[in-house]
Protein backbone atom coordinates (compact mmCIF):
# COMPACT_ATOMS: atom_id res chain seq x y z
CA MET A 1 90.63 346.64 9.94
CA THR A 2 89.87 342.92 10.06
CA ALA A 3 92.06 341.00 12.50
CA MET A 4 94.33 338.41 10.99
CA PRO A 5 93.30 334.82 11.86
CA ALA A 6 95.52 333.08 14.40
CA PRO A 7 98.11 330.69 12.97
CA LYS A 8 97.14 327.02 13.04
CA PRO A 9 100.08 325.06 14.42
CA GLN A 10 100.50 321.37 13.71
CA VAL A 11 99.66 319.13 16.69
CA ARG A 12 100.25 315.43 17.20
CA GLY A 13 98.83 313.79 20.31
CA PHE A 14 99.96 310.57 22.01
CA PHE A 15 97.60 308.88 24.46
CA ASP A 16 98.91 306.81 27.37
CA PRO A 17 96.06 304.48 28.43
CA ALA A 18 97.74 303.51 31.71
CA THR A 19 97.44 307.08 33.05
CA ALA A 20 94.87 308.49 30.58
CA THR A 21 97.43 311.19 29.72
CA TRP A 22 97.80 313.09 26.47
CA THR A 23 101.30 314.14 25.39
CA TYR A 24 101.59 316.64 22.54
CA VAL A 25 104.15 317.58 19.94
CA VAL A 26 103.41 321.02 18.46
CA TRP A 27 105.17 322.93 15.69
CA GLY A 28 104.45 325.76 13.27
CA ALA A 29 103.34 325.10 9.72
CA GLY A 30 106.39 325.12 7.46
CA ASP A 31 108.73 325.02 10.47
CA LYS A 32 110.69 322.12 11.92
CA THR A 33 111.08 323.45 15.47
CA CYS A 34 108.77 321.86 18.00
CA ALA A 35 107.74 321.67 21.64
CA VAL A 36 106.74 318.60 23.65
CA ILE A 37 104.02 319.11 26.26
CA ASP A 38 103.32 316.82 29.25
CA SER A 39 105.44 313.78 28.45
CA VAL A 40 105.07 310.39 30.19
CA LEU A 41 107.68 308.07 31.65
CA ASP A 42 106.24 304.58 32.19
CA TYR A 43 106.44 303.42 35.80
CA ASP A 44 105.57 300.14 37.51
CA ALA A 45 104.73 300.95 41.11
CA ALA A 46 105.05 297.39 42.37
CA SER A 47 108.64 296.94 41.19
CA GLY A 48 109.79 300.56 41.11
CA HIS A 49 110.94 300.05 37.52
CA THR A 50 110.65 302.66 34.79
CA ALA A 51 110.32 302.13 31.06
CA THR A 52 110.38 304.45 28.07
CA ALA A 53 107.88 302.98 25.61
CA SER A 54 105.57 306.01 25.78
CA ALA A 55 108.40 308.52 25.43
CA ASP A 56 110.03 306.51 22.66
CA LYS A 57 106.89 306.86 20.53
CA VAL A 58 107.24 310.61 20.83
CA ILE A 59 110.96 310.45 20.00
CA SER A 60 110.31 308.25 16.97
CA PHE A 61 107.72 310.70 15.65
CA ILE A 62 109.97 313.72 16.15
CA GLN A 63 112.96 312.08 14.52
CA GLY A 64 110.90 310.55 11.73
CA ASN A 65 109.53 313.96 10.79
CA GLY A 66 112.84 315.77 11.02
CA LEU A 67 111.70 317.99 13.91
CA ALA A 68 114.02 319.70 16.39
CA VAL A 69 112.92 320.10 20.02
CA GLU A 70 113.23 323.59 21.47
CA TRP A 71 110.98 323.25 24.53
CA ILE A 72 109.89 320.44 26.85
CA LEU A 73 106.93 321.95 28.69
CA GLU A 74 104.86 320.98 31.71
CA THR A 75 101.39 322.40 32.28
CA HIS A 76 101.76 321.66 36.02
CA ILE A 77 103.30 319.22 38.51
CA HIS A 78 101.41 316.05 37.66
CA ALA A 79 100.18 313.74 40.40
CA ASP A 80 99.23 310.80 38.19
CA HIS A 81 102.25 310.15 35.98
CA LEU A 82 106.00 310.67 35.91
CA THR A 83 107.36 313.14 33.39
CA ALA A 84 109.84 311.93 30.78
CA ALA A 85 111.33 315.44 30.49
CA GLN A 86 114.90 314.49 31.40
CA TYR A 87 114.87 311.42 29.16
CA LEU A 88 113.58 313.48 26.23
CA LYS A 89 116.14 316.21 26.89
CA GLU A 90 118.93 313.62 26.92
CA LYS A 91 117.78 312.12 23.62
CA LEU A 92 116.57 315.21 21.76
CA GLY A 93 117.82 318.35 23.51
CA GLY A 94 115.55 321.28 24.31
CA LYS A 95 114.82 323.37 27.39
CA THR A 96 112.57 322.21 30.22
CA ALA A 97 110.09 324.78 31.48
CA ILE A 98 107.12 325.31 33.79
CA SER A 99 105.30 328.22 35.43
CA LYS A 100 107.06 330.14 38.19
CA HIS A 101 104.18 329.10 40.44
CA ILE A 102 105.96 325.78 40.91
CA LEU A 103 107.74 327.58 43.75
CA ALA A 104 104.51 327.50 45.76
CA VAL A 105 104.10 323.78 45.04
CA LEU A 106 107.68 323.07 46.12
CA LYS A 107 107.04 324.92 49.37
CA THR A 108 103.86 322.93 50.00
CA TRP A 109 105.41 319.49 49.54
CA GLN A 110 108.86 320.01 51.08
CA PRO A 111 107.71 319.33 54.68
CA ILE A 112 105.94 316.16 53.55
CA PHE A 113 108.78 314.69 51.48
CA SER A 114 111.71 316.28 53.39
CA ASN A 115 113.25 316.71 49.96
CA ALA A 116 115.29 319.92 50.23
CA ALA A 117 118.52 317.95 49.82
CA ASP A 118 117.55 316.34 46.51
CA THR A 119 115.02 318.81 45.07
CA PRO A 120 116.09 322.43 44.50
CA GLN A 121 113.56 324.71 46.14
CA ASP A 122 114.28 327.63 43.80
CA GLY A 123 113.14 325.87 40.61
CA ALA A 124 116.69 325.59 39.24
CA GLN A 125 115.99 322.00 38.15
CA PHE A 126 114.03 323.54 35.23
CA ASP A 127 115.80 325.45 32.50
CA HIS A 128 113.16 328.17 32.55
CA LEU A 129 110.35 329.36 34.83
CA PHE A 130 107.67 331.29 32.96
CA ASP A 131 106.20 334.51 34.29
CA ASP A 132 102.44 335.00 34.00
CA ASP A 133 101.46 336.06 30.47
CA GLU A 134 105.02 335.57 29.24
CA ASP A 135 105.54 335.47 25.48
CA PHE A 136 107.98 333.00 23.93
CA LYS A 137 108.62 331.30 20.61
CA ILE A 138 108.85 327.79 19.23
CA GLY A 139 110.98 328.48 16.21
CA ALA A 140 108.98 331.15 14.37
CA LEU A 141 105.71 330.18 16.08
CA GLU A 142 104.66 332.76 18.66
CA ALA A 143 103.41 331.41 21.97
CA ARG A 144 102.38 332.69 25.38
CA ILE A 145 101.28 331.34 28.72
CA ILE A 146 98.38 332.21 30.98
CA HIS A 147 98.09 331.19 34.62
CA THR A 148 95.08 328.88 35.06
CA PRO A 149 95.19 327.66 38.69
CA GLY A 150 92.59 325.63 40.52
CA HIS A 151 93.60 322.02 39.93
CA THR A 152 96.93 323.05 41.46
CA PRO A 153 98.35 326.53 42.20
CA ALA A 154 100.80 326.23 39.28
CA ASP A 155 98.57 325.13 36.41
CA THR A 156 99.46 326.87 33.17
CA THR A 157 97.88 327.01 29.73
CA TYR A 158 100.16 327.34 26.70
CA ILE A 159 98.62 329.25 23.79
CA MET A 160 100.16 328.79 20.35
CA GLY A 161 98.22 330.32 17.50
CA ASN A 162 94.69 328.91 17.61
CA ALA A 163 95.73 326.01 19.88
CA ALA A 164 95.73 326.07 23.67
CA PHE A 165 97.12 323.28 25.85
CA VAL A 166 95.10 323.41 29.04
CA GLY A 167 96.45 320.55 31.16
CA ASP A 168 93.89 319.56 33.80
CA THR A 169 92.10 322.91 33.92
CA MET A 170 89.38 321.72 31.55
CA PHE A 171 88.59 318.30 30.09
CA LEU A 172 86.38 317.37 27.16
CA PRO A 173 82.78 318.58 27.40
CA ASP A 174 81.34 315.24 28.53
CA VAL A 175 83.99 314.91 31.29
CA GLY A 176 84.17 318.44 32.68
CA THR A 177 87.12 319.78 34.67
CA GLY A 178 90.00 318.58 36.85
CA ARG A 179 89.77 317.84 40.56
CA CYS A 180 90.67 320.63 42.99
CA ASP A 181 91.32 318.77 46.25
CA PHE A 182 95.13 318.63 46.14
CA PRO A 183 97.02 320.96 48.51
CA GLY A 184 96.69 324.48 47.16
CA GLY A 185 93.82 323.52 44.87
CA SER A 186 90.77 325.74 44.69
CA ALA A 187 87.38 325.25 43.07
CA GLU A 188 86.93 329.03 43.00
CA ASP A 189 90.22 329.48 41.16
CA SER A 190 89.31 326.64 38.80
CA TYR A 191 86.07 328.38 37.83
CA ALA A 192 87.93 331.63 37.16
CA SER A 193 90.44 329.74 35.03
CA THR A 194 87.71 328.13 32.93
CA ARG A 195 86.34 331.62 32.27
CA LYS A 196 89.77 332.66 30.97
CA LEU A 197 89.71 329.73 28.56
CA LEU A 198 86.15 330.35 27.40
CA ALA A 199 87.07 333.98 26.69
CA LEU A 200 89.44 332.83 23.94
CA PRO A 201 88.13 332.97 20.35
CA ASP A 202 85.46 330.37 19.65
CA ASP A 203 87.59 328.52 17.10
CA THR A 204 90.49 328.05 19.54
CA ARG A 205 91.35 324.37 19.90
CA LEU A 206 91.61 323.37 23.57
CA TYR A 207 93.87 320.33 23.98
CA VAL A 208 93.29 318.53 27.27
CA GLY A 209 95.81 316.85 29.55
CA HIS A 210 93.72 313.72 30.12
CA ASP A 211 90.63 312.03 28.82
CA TYR A 212 88.39 309.70 30.79
CA PRO A 213 85.82 308.84 28.10
CA PRO A 214 82.36 307.58 28.95
CA GLU A 215 81.62 304.04 27.86
CA GLY A 216 81.37 303.77 24.11
CA ARG A 217 83.62 306.72 23.25
CA GLU A 218 87.26 306.47 22.24
CA PRO A 219 89.77 308.82 23.92
CA LEU A 220 89.83 312.26 22.31
CA CYS A 221 92.18 315.15 22.88
CA MET A 222 90.52 318.36 21.71
CA ALA A 223 87.37 320.45 21.70
CA THR A 224 86.97 324.03 20.53
CA VAL A 225 86.06 326.90 22.82
CA ALA A 226 82.64 327.03 21.14
CA GLU A 227 82.09 323.34 21.87
CA GLN A 228 83.17 323.79 25.48
CA LYS A 229 80.86 326.76 25.96
CA ALA A 230 77.93 324.84 24.55
CA GLY A 231 78.46 321.50 26.20
CA ASN A 232 80.92 321.28 29.10
CA ILE A 233 78.97 319.51 31.84
CA ARG A 234 80.76 321.34 34.67
CA ALA A 235 81.95 324.60 33.18
CA GLY A 236 79.81 325.47 30.17
CA ALA A 237 78.92 329.08 29.43
CA GLY A 238 75.64 328.99 31.36
CA ILE A 239 77.03 327.52 34.60
CA GLN A 240 77.43 330.02 37.43
CA LYS A 241 80.29 330.08 39.92
CA ASP A 242 78.33 328.93 42.99
CA ALA A 243 76.95 325.91 41.16
CA PHE A 244 80.37 325.02 39.79
CA VAL A 245 82.07 325.25 43.19
CA LEU A 246 79.38 323.20 44.93
CA ARG A 247 79.49 320.39 42.37
CA ARG A 248 83.30 320.39 42.24
CA ARG A 249 83.59 320.08 46.02
CA GLU A 250 80.97 317.34 46.16
CA ALA A 251 82.74 315.37 43.44
CA ASP A 252 86.13 315.71 45.14
CA ARG A 253 85.00 314.83 48.66
CA GLY A 254 86.55 311.50 49.68
CA LYS A 255 88.09 310.97 46.26
CA PRO A 256 91.01 308.50 46.35
CA VAL A 257 94.46 309.83 45.53
CA PRO A 258 95.94 308.85 42.15
CA ASP A 259 97.77 305.53 42.16
CA LEU A 260 101.11 307.14 41.29
CA LEU A 261 100.77 310.23 43.48
CA LEU A 262 103.87 309.74 45.63
CA PRO A 263 106.39 308.82 42.93
CA SER A 264 104.92 311.29 40.45
CA LEU A 265 105.13 314.32 42.70
CA GLN A 266 108.69 313.62 43.83
CA VAL A 267 110.06 312.94 40.35
CA ASN A 268 108.12 315.78 38.71
CA LEU A 269 109.23 318.29 41.33
CA ARG A 270 112.76 317.36 40.26
CA ALA A 271 111.84 318.04 36.60
CA GLY A 272 112.02 314.31 35.84
CA ASP A 273 115.29 313.53 37.62
CA LEU A 274 114.85 310.01 38.97
CA THR A 275 117.78 310.21 41.42
CA ASP A 276 117.99 306.86 43.25
CA PHE A 277 114.97 306.77 45.51
CA ILE A 278 111.36 307.69 46.11
CA LYS A 279 110.20 308.27 49.67
CA ILE A 280 106.98 306.97 51.16
CA PRO A 281 105.78 309.44 53.79
CA VAL A 282 103.67 307.57 56.33
CA ASN A 283 100.38 309.07 57.54
CA ARG A 284 101.27 312.45 56.08
CA ILE A 285 98.71 312.84 53.29
């Protein structure tokens, strides 16, 4: 019996040039229930001020198309931008969610930020923690997660029909893959995770968390599994594990931390709760 083709959900991407981040709204064809993936809260590091222009574009699109938010999802704890999850939840409703592997990330950063008093260590700041390979729904659209660590221990890919939202596990073919030098990161795990993604059907659309386009190319958000197999400069089908790990470690050696690392981690570990302060640990990272 011929297998039924995977549903093709509707996807709308929003690119934030300040952090090179893609935010996605995804919903099933003929359905008005949606999920938001990897939202952005604008943040000025010099003043400590936030703004909502990026998130408001997402809100305007959702409201303008009569969509209802069921999920506000994070692929991982981002180190380069603040999540707008709480702002979106306040304005649109929905449940915040992330992989259960956030518990390992919380444990890693608690001694550095001394944040046990303001950041629940059991993940209760999120409405839901996904198990590995957990199935869920966005309205009538069936979805599932797979654990794709390497960039961080908690990286997760959300698969919805023939679309997969891969966060920083894999970038567009001419960019490669995400760095693996954060605490708990692993080039070996990253390679294994790329193999999980390349094992998906060739027509699966892989939506990336960031794009850092070479000169002359506009930011793009998606490549198919077939395109990634054929052309990913770091993780294509013909690249072996040892070569991947060696190149990944060489590229990450001495790499500067993201500009918004300290505020991003603290806010994102709180599921987007700004509280009243962000700590600056001195000589700890």
